[in-house]
Amino acid sequence: MIEKQIAIEIQGHALAAIRQLSEALSACENRCSPEEYQQIKRGVGLSMGSIETELLSVIYFAFPELDDLKDVPNLSR
């Protein structure tokens, strides 16, 4: 099993990557063609989804207390 401290470190990197992807999408909004924006938006969405399903879900399964969204109504992981 992964150590909790390592899980926290991975979580931090994963959440930072999600923030960076979101900023990248914002940076290109209204600065590229609508078609390019949609392609980038799709890539960002797929990347964020992978981070959630391949990294964060593993961490939250092992350490549910690290999932700060677990108690948000209408949100299921």
PDB file of N, CA and C in Angstrom:
ATOM      1  N   MET A   1       0.841  -1.186   0.000  1.00  0.00           N
ATOM      2  CA  MET A   1       0.000   0.000   0.000  1.00  0.00           C
ATOM      3  C   MET A   1       0.884   1.245   0.000  1.00  0.00           C
ATOM      4  N   ILE A   2       0.426   2.248  -0.698  1.00  0.00           N
ATOM      5  CA  ILE A   2       1.146   3.504  -0.769  1.00  0.00           C
ATOM      6  C   ILE A   2       1.163   4.182   0.603  1.00  0.00           C
ATOM      7  N   GLU A   3       2.267   4.805   0.937  1.00  0.00           N
ATOM      8  CA  GLU A   3       2.370   5.528   2.200  1.00  0.00           C
ATOM      9  C   GLU A   3       1.578   6.828   2.106  1.00  0.00           C
ATOM     10  N   LYS A   4       0.986   7.222   3.213  1.00  0.00           N
ATOM     11  CA  LYS A   4       0.126   8.407   3.206  1.00  0.00           C
ATOM     12  C   LYS A   4       0.888   9.667   2.783  1.00  0.00           C
ATOM     13  N   GLN A   5       2.103   9.844   3.252  1.00  0.00           N
ATOM     14  CA  GLN A   5       2.868  11.042   2.897  1.00  0.00           C
ATOM     15  C   GLN A   5       3.131  11.099   1.391  1.00  0.00           C
ATOM     16  N   ILE A   6       3.412   9.958   0.788  1.00  0.00           N
ATOM     17  CA  ILE A   6       3.612   9.907  -0.667  1.00  0.00           C
ATOM     18  C   ILE A   6       2.296  10.221  -1.380  1.00  0.00           C
ATOM     19  N   ALA A   7       1.197   9.686  -0.861  1.00  0.00           N
ATOM     20  CA  ALA A   7      -0.115   9.957  -1.447  1.00  0.00           C
ATOM     21  C   ALA A   7      -0.423  11.455  -1.414  1.00  0.00           C
ATOM     22  N   ILE A   8      -0.095  12.105  -0.310  1.00  0.00           N
ATOM     23  CA  ILE A   8      -0.329  13.549  -0.187  1.00  0.00           C
ATOM     24  C   ILE A   8       0.524  14.309  -1.202  1.00  0.00           C
ATOM     25  N   GLU A   9       1.761  13.875  -1.379  1.00  0.00           N
ATOM     26  CA  GLU A   9       2.643  14.523  -2.355  1.00  0.00           C
ATOM     27  C   GLU A   9       2.110  14.345  -3.778  1.00  0.00           C
ATOM     28  N   ILE A  10       1.697  13.141  -4.109  1.00  0.00           N
ATOM     29  CA  ILE A  10       1.136  12.874  -5.441  1.00  0.00           C
ATOM     30  C   ILE A  10      -0.137  13.690  -5.646  1.00  0.00           C
ATOM     31  N   GLN A  11      -0.980  13.732  -4.630  1.00  0.00           N
ATOM     32  CA  GLN A  11      -2.214  14.515  -4.712  1.00  0.00           C
ATOM     33  C   GLN A  11      -1.897  15.981  -5.016  1.00  0.00           C
ATOM     34  N   GLY A  12      -0.920  16.535  -4.332  1.00  0.00           N
ATOM     35  CA  GLY A  12      -0.539  17.924  -4.573  1.00  0.00           C
ATOM     36  C   GLY A  12      -0.097  18.167  -5.999  1.00  0.00           C
ATOM     37  N   HIS A  13       0.721  17.258  -6.520  1.00  0.00           N
ATOM     38  CA  HIS A  13       1.173  17.390  -7.909  1.00  0.00           C
ATOM     39  C   HIS A  13       0.008  17.239  -8.888  1.00  0.00           C
ATOM     40  N   ALA A  14      -0.872  16.291  -8.611  1.00  0.00           N
ATOM     41  CA  ALA A  14      -2.020  16.057  -9.500  1.00  0.00           C
ATOM     42  C   ALA A  14      -2.945  17.261  -9.519  1.00  0.00           C
ATOM     43  N   LEU A  15      -3.228  17.826  -8.354  1.00  0.00           N
ATOM     44  CA  LEU A  15      -4.109  18.997  -8.293  1.00  0.00           C
ATOM     45  C   LEU A  15      -3.453  20.216  -8.938  1.00  0.00           C
ATOM     46  N   ALA A  16      -2.136  20.337  -8.797  1.00  0.00           N
ATOM     47  CA  ALA A  16      -1.415  21.427  -9.464  1.00  0.00           C
ATOM     48  C   ALA A  16      -1.496  21.269 -10.977  1.00  0.00           C
ATOM     49  N   ALA A  17      -1.388  20.042 -11.452  1.00  0.00           N
ATOM     50  CA  ALA A  17      -1.495  19.792 -12.893  1.00  0.00           C
ATOM     51  C   ALA A  17      -2.878  20.176 -13.406  1.00  0.00           C
ATOM     52  N   ILE A  18      -3.911  19.868 -12.635  1.00  0.00           N
ATOM     53  CA  ILE A  18      -5.272  20.244 -13.028  1.00  0.00           C
ATOM     54  C   ILE A  18      -5.395  21.766 -13.091  1.00  0.00           C
ATOM     55  N   ARG A  19      -4.840  22.457 -12.110  1.00  0.00           N
ATOM     56  CA  ARG A  19      -4.878  23.932 -12.134  1.00  0.00           C
ATOM     57  C   ARG A  19      -4.148  24.468 -13.359  1.00  0.00           C
ATOM     58  N   GLN A  20      -2.994  23.894 -13.665  1.00  0.00           N
ATOM     59  CA  GLN A  20      -2.221  24.338 -14.825  1.00  0.00           C
ATOM     60  C   GLN A  20      -2.976  24.104 -16.133  1.00  0.00           C
ATOM     61  N   LEU A  21      -3.621  22.966 -16.234  1.00  0.00           N
ATOM     62  CA  LEU A  21      -4.421  22.682 -17.432  1.00  0.00           C
ATOM     63  C   LEU A  21      -5.569  23.676 -17.566  1.00  0.00           C
ATOM     64  N   SER A  22      -6.197  23.991 -16.467  1.00  0.00           N
ATOM     65  CA  SER A  22      -7.286  24.968 -16.486  1.00  0.00           C
ATOM     66  C   SER A  22      -6.774  26.343 -16.921  1.00  0.00           C
ATOM     67  N   GLU A  23      -5.613  26.714 -16.425  1.00  0.00           N
ATOM     68  CA  GLU A  23      -5.012  27.990 -16.817  1.00  0.00           C
ATOM     69  C   GLU A  23      -4.632  27.992 -18.297  1.00  0.00           C
ATOM     70  N   ALA A  24      -4.164  26.867 -18.783  1.00  0.00           N
ATOM     71  CA  ALA A  24      -3.817  26.763 -20.206  1.00  0.00           C
ATOM     72  C   ALA A  24      -5.053  26.966 -21.068  1.00  0.00           C
ATOM     73  N   LEU A  25      -6.161  26.375 -20.645  1.00  0.00           N
ATOM     74  CA  LEU A  25      -7.402  26.542 -21.400  1.00  0.00           C
ATOM     75  C   LEU A  25      -7.853  27.997 -21.362  1.00  0.00           C
ATOM     76  N   SER A  26      -7.776  28.614 -20.202  1.00  0.00           N
ATOM     77  CA  SER A  26      -8.153  30.028 -20.081  1.00  0.00           C
ATOM     78  C   SER A  26      -7.269  30.914 -20.948  1.00  0.00           C
ATOM     79  N   ALA A  27      -6.000  30.579 -21.039  1.00  0.00           N
ATOM     80  CA  ALA A  27      -5.060  31.382 -21.817  1.00  0.00           C
ATOM     81  C   ALA A  27      -5.406  31.400 -23.296  1.00  0.00           C
ATOM     82  N   CYS A  28      -5.975  30.333 -23.792  1.00  0.00           N
ATOM     83  CA  CYS A  28      -6.270  30.292 -25.226  1.00  0.00           C
ATOM     84  C   CYS A  28      -7.689  30.738 -25.550  1.00  0.00           C
ATOM     85  N   GLU A  29      -8.520  30.918 -24.536  1.00  0.00           N
ATOM     86  CA  GLU A  29      -9.897  31.346 -24.777  1.00  0.00           C
ATOM     87  C   GLU A  29      -9.898  32.725 -25.431  1.00  0.00           C
ATOM     88  N   ASN A  30     -10.650  32.861 -26.488  1.00  0.00           N
ATOM     89  CA  ASN A  30     -10.756  34.100 -27.267  1.00  0.00           C
ATOM     90  C   ASN A  30      -9.432  34.523 -27.914  1.00  0.00           C
ATOM     91  N   ARG A  31      -8.454  33.627 -27.942  1.00  0.00           N
ATOM     92  CA  ARG A  31      -7.175  33.955 -28.555  1.00  0.00           C
ATOM     93  C   ARG A  31      -6.809  32.974 -29.659  1.00  0.00           C
ATOM     94  N   CYS A  32      -7.692  32.047 -29.936  1.00  0.00           N
ATOM     95  CA  CYS A  32      -7.492  31.126 -31.042  1.00  0.00           C
ATOM     96  C   CYS A  32      -8.862  30.877 -31.673  1.00  0.00           C
ATOM     97  N   SER A  33      -8.872  30.176 -32.761  1.00  0.00           N
ATOM     98  CA  SER A  33     -10.133  29.943 -33.452  1.00  0.00           C
ATOM     99  C   SER A  33     -11.056  29.082 -32.590  1.00  0.00           C
ATOM    100  N   PRO A  34     -12.367  29.177 -32.808  1.00  0.00           N
ATOM    101  CA  PRO A  34     -13.300  28.338 -32.054  1.00  0.00           C
ATOM    102  C   PRO A  34     -12.996  26.845 -32.206  1.00  0.00           C
ATOM    103  N   GLU A  35     -12.567  26.443 -33.383  1.00  0.00           N
ATOM    104  CA  GLU A  35     -12.233  25.037 -33.609  1.00  0.00           C
ATOM    105  C   GLU A  35     -11.022  24.621 -32.787  1.00  0.00           C
ATOM    106  N   GLU A  36      -9.985  25.471 -32.798  1.00  0.00           N
ATOM    107  CA  GLU A  36      -8.791  25.172 -32.009  1.00  0.00           C
ATOM    108  C   GLU A  36      -9.122  25.140 -30.516  1.00  0.00           C
ATOM    109  N   TYR A  37      -9.946  26.090 -30.098  1.00  0.00           N
ATOM    110  CA  TYR A  37     -10.334  26.134 -28.687  1.00  0.00           C
ATOM    111  C   TYR A  37     -11.051  24.847 -28.286  1.00  0.00           C
ATOM    112  N   GLN A  38     -11.941  24.367 -29.127  1.00  0.00           N
ATOM    113  CA  GLN A  38     -12.668  23.130 -28.818  1.00  0.00           C
ATOM    114  C   GLN A  38     -11.720  21.931 -28.738  1.00  0.00           C
ATOM    115  N   GLN A  39     -10.729  21.897 -29.628  1.00  0.00           N
ATOM    116  CA  GLN A  39      -9.743  20.812 -29.578  1.00  0.00           C
ATOM    117  C   GLN A  39      -8.938  20.868 -28.282  1.00  0.00           C
ATOM    118  N   ILE A  40      -8.505  22.053 -27.924  1.00  0.00           N
ATOM    119  CA  ILE A  40      -7.726  22.220 -26.693  1.00  0.00           C
ATOM    120  C   ILE A  40      -8.591  21.913 -25.482  1.00  0.00           C
ATOM    121  N   LYS A  41      -9.838  22.376 -25.503  1.00  0.00           N
ATOM    122  CA  LYS A  41     -10.763  22.112 -24.405  1.00  0.00           C
ATOM    123  C   LYS A  41     -10.975  20.607 -24.223  1.00  0.00           C
ATOM    124  N   ARG A  42     -11.111  19.904 -25.321  1.00  0.00           N
ATOM    125  CA  ARG A  42     -11.285  18.447 -25.256  1.00  0.00           C
ATOM    126  C   ARG A  42     -10.039  17.785 -24.671  1.00  0.00           C
ATOM    127  N   GLY A  43      -8.864  18.203 -25.137  1.00  0.00           N
ATOM    128  CA  GLY A  43      -7.621  17.651 -24.616  1.00  0.00           C
ATOM    129  C   GLY A  43      -7.438  17.917 -23.133  1.00  0.00           C
ATOM    130  N   VAL A  44      -7.780  19.130 -22.717  1.00  0.00           N
ATOM    131  CA  VAL A  44      -7.697  19.475 -21.297  1.00  0.00           C
ATOM    132  C   VAL A  44      -8.667  18.619 -20.495  1.00  0.00           C
ATOM    133  N   GLY A  45      -9.877  18.472 -20.992  1.00  0.00           N
ATOM    134  CA  GLY A  45     -10.874  17.667 -20.292  1.00  0.00           C
ATOM    135  C   GLY A  45     -10.459  16.206 -20.167  1.00  0.00           C
ATOM    136  N   LEU A  46      -9.937  15.650 -21.247  1.00  0.00           N
ATOM    137  CA  LEU A  46      -9.471  14.263 -21.200  1.00  0.00           C
ATOM    138  C   LEU A  46      -8.295  14.105 -20.232  1.00  0.00           C
ATOM    139  N   SER A  47      -7.396  15.079 -20.247  1.00  0.00           N
ATOM    140  CA  SER A  47      -6.244  15.033 -19.345  1.00  0.00           C
ATOM    141  C   SER A  47      -6.682  15.126 -17.888  1.00  0.00           C
ATOM    142  N   MET A  48      -7.590  16.033 -17.605  1.00  0.00           N
ATOM    143  CA  MET A  48      -8.103  16.169 -16.240  1.00  0.00           C
ATOM    144  C   MET A  48      -8.822  14.897 -15.802  1.00  0.00           C
ATOM    145  N   GLY A  49      -9.585  14.320 -16.705  1.00  0.00           N
ATOM    146  CA  GLY A  49     -10.287  13.078 -16.397  1.00  0.00           C
ATOM    147  C   GLY A  49      -9.322  11.952 -16.080  1.00  0.00           C
ATOM    148  N   SER A  50      -8.232  11.873 -16.834  1.00  0.00           N
ATOM    149  CA  SER A  50      -7.212  10.849 -16.576  1.00  0.00           C
ATOM    150  C   SER A  50      -6.559  11.054 -15.214  1.00  0.00           C
ATOM    151  N   ILE A  51      -6.253  12.280 -14.893  1.00  0.00           N
ATOM    152  CA  ILE A  51      -5.655  12.571 -13.589  1.00  0.00           C
ATOM    153  C   ILE A  51      -6.607  12.131 -12.482  1.00  0.00           C
ATOM    154  N   GLU A  52      -7.881  12.428 -12.657  1.00  0.00           N
ATOM    155  CA  GLU A  52      -8.879  12.047 -11.644  1.00  0.00           C
ATOM    156  C   GLU A  52      -9.004  10.535 -11.525  1.00  0.00           C
ATOM    157  N   THR A  53      -9.143   9.856 -12.652  1.00  0.00           N
ATOM    158  CA  THR A  53      -9.416   8.417 -12.591  1.00  0.00           C
ATOM    159  C   THR A  53      -8.177   7.567 -12.368  1.00  0.00           C
ATOM    160  N   GLU A  54      -7.026   7.998 -12.862  1.00  0.00           N
ATOM    161  CA  GLU A  54      -5.824   7.188 -12.780  1.00  0.00           C
ATOM    162  C   GLU A  54      -4.935   7.512 -11.587  1.00  0.00           C
ATOM    163  N   LEU A  55      -5.047   8.706 -11.039  1.00  0.00           N
ATOM    164  CA  LEU A  55      -4.209   9.091  -9.903  1.00  0.00           C
ATOM    165  C   LEU A  55      -5.030   9.343  -8.648  1.00  0.00           C
ATOM    166  N   LEU A  56      -5.898  10.339  -8.736  1.00  0.00           N
ATOM    167  CA  LEU A  56      -6.610  10.761  -7.526  1.00  0.00           C
ATOM    168  C   LEU A  56      -7.540   9.689  -6.984  1.00  0.00           C
ATOM    169  N   SER A  57      -8.215   8.955  -7.846  1.00  0.00           N
ATOM    170  CA  SER A  57      -9.130   7.926  -7.340  1.00  0.00           C
ATOM    171  C   SER A  57      -8.378   6.832  -6.591  1.00  0.00           C
ATOM    172  N   VAL A  58      -7.160   6.529  -7.021  1.00  0.00           N
ATOM    173  CA  VAL A  58      -6.339   5.540  -6.321  1.00  0.00           C
ATOM    174  C   VAL A  58      -5.985   6.059  -4.922  1.00  0.00           C
ATOM    175  N   ILE A  59      -5.607   7.304  -4.862  1.00  0.00           N
ATOM    176  CA  ILE A  59      -5.264   7.922  -3.576  1.00  0.00           C
ATOM    177  C   ILE A  59      -6.482   7.974  -2.662  1.00  0.00           C
ATOM    178  N   TYR A  60      -7.613   8.396  -3.208  1.00  0.00           N
ATOM    179  CA  TYR A  60      -8.811   8.550  -2.377  1.00  0.00           C
ATOM    180  C   TYR A  60      -9.388   7.200  -1.948  1.00  0.00           C
ATOM    181  N   PHE A  61      -9.131   6.168  -2.721  1.00  0.00           N
ATOM    182  CA  PHE A  61      -9.552   4.832  -2.297  1.00  0.00           C
ATOM    183  C   PHE A  61      -8.737   4.392  -1.084  1.00  0.00           C
ATOM    184  N   ALA A  62      -7.441   4.648  -1.133  1.00  0.00           N
ATOM    185  CA  ALA A  62      -6.554   4.254  -0.033  1.00  0.00           C
ATOM    186  C   ALA A  62      -6.708   5.167   1.179  1.00  0.00           C
ATOM    187  N   PHE A  63      -6.946   6.462   0.917  1.00  0.00           N
ATOM    188  CA  PHE A  63      -7.037   7.458   1.990  1.00  0.00           C
ATOM    189  C   PHE A  63      -8.241   8.366   1.746  1.00  0.00           C
ATOM    190  N   PRO A  64      -9.444   7.894   2.028  1.00  0.00           N
ATOM    191  CA  PRO A  64     -10.644   8.681   1.755  1.00  0.00           C
ATOM    192  C   PRO A  64     -10.647  10.038   2.453  1.00  0.00           C
ATOM    193  N   GLU A  65      -9.945  10.151   3.547  1.00  0.00           N
ATOM    194  CA  GLU A  65      -9.911  11.420   4.275  1.00  0.00           C
ATOM    195  C   GLU A  65      -9.194  12.533   3.503  1.00  0.00           C
ATOM    196  N   LEU A  66      -8.432  12.184   2.481  1.00  0.00           N
ATOM    197  CA  LEU A  66      -7.753  13.182   1.656  1.00  0.00           C
ATOM    198  C   LEU A  66      -8.682  13.795   0.612  1.00  0.00           C
ATOM    199  N   ASP A  67      -9.807  13.177   0.377  1.00  0.00           N
ATOM    200  CA  ASP A  67     -10.760  13.651  -0.639  1.00  0.00           C
ATOM    201  C   ASP A  67     -11.642  14.730  -0.027  1.00  0.00           C
ATOM    202  N   ASP A  68     -11.301  15.986  -0.292  1.00  0.00           N
ATOM    203  CA  ASP A  68     -12.060  17.090   0.288  1.00  0.00           C
ATOM    204  C   ASP A  68     -13.408  17.313  -0.397  1.00  0.00           C
ATOM    205  N   LEU A  69     -13.682  16.573  -1.454  1.00  0.00           N
ATOM    206  CA  LEU A  69     -14.970  16.697  -2.142  1.00  0.00           C
ATOM    207  C   LEU A  69     -15.921  15.550  -1.817  1.00  0.00           C
ATOM    208  N   LYS A  70     -15.516  14.643  -0.961  1.00  0.00           N
ATOM    209  CA  LYS A  70     -16.334  13.454  -0.701  1.00  0.00           C
ATOM    210  C   LYS A  70     -17.683  13.776  -0.066  1.00  0.00           C
ATOM    211  N   ASP A  71     -17.777  14.897   0.653  1.00  0.00           N
ATOM    212  CA  ASP A  71     -19.018  15.243   1.328  1.00  0.00           C
ATOM    213  C   ASP A  71     -19.842  16.295   0.596  1.00  0.00           C
ATOM    214  N   VAL A  72     -19.440  16.642  -0.622  1.00  0.00           N
ATOM    215  CA  VAL A  72     -20.193  17.621  -1.410  1.00  0.00           C
ATOM    216  C   VAL A  72     -21.449  16.956  -1.959  1.00  0.00           C
ATOM    217  N   PRO A  73     -22.621  17.522  -1.655  1.00  0.00           N
ATOM    218  CA  PRO A  73     -23.868  16.917  -2.177  1.00  0.00           C
ATOM    219  C   PRO A  73     -23.869  16.860  -3.705  1.00  0.00           C
ATOM    220  N   ASN A  74     -24.470  15.823  -4.230  1.00  0.00           N
ATOM    221  CA  ASN A  74     -24.633  15.631  -5.680  1.00  0.00           C
ATOM    222  C   ASN A  74     -23.314  15.443  -6.427  1.00  0.00           C
ATOM    223  N   LEU A  75     -22.262  15.117  -5.716  1.00  0.00           N
ATOM    224  CA  LEU A  75     -20.988  14.854  -6.377  1.00  0.00           C
ATOM    225  C   LEU A  75     -20.560  13.454  -5.997  1.00  0.00           C
ATOM    226  N   SER A  76     -20.426  12.617  -6.997  1.00  0.00           N
ATOM    227  CA  SER A  76     -19.973  11.255  -6.712  1.00  0.00           C
ATOM    228  C   SER A  76     -18.687  10.997  -7.441  1.00  0.00           C
ATOM    229  N   ARG A  77     -17.823  10.266  -6.816  1.00  0.00           N
ATOM    230  CA  ARG A  77     -16.538   9.912  -7.440  1.00  0.00           C
ATOM    231  C   ARG A  77     -16.589   8.462  -7.815  1.00  0.00           C
TER     232      ARG A  77
END
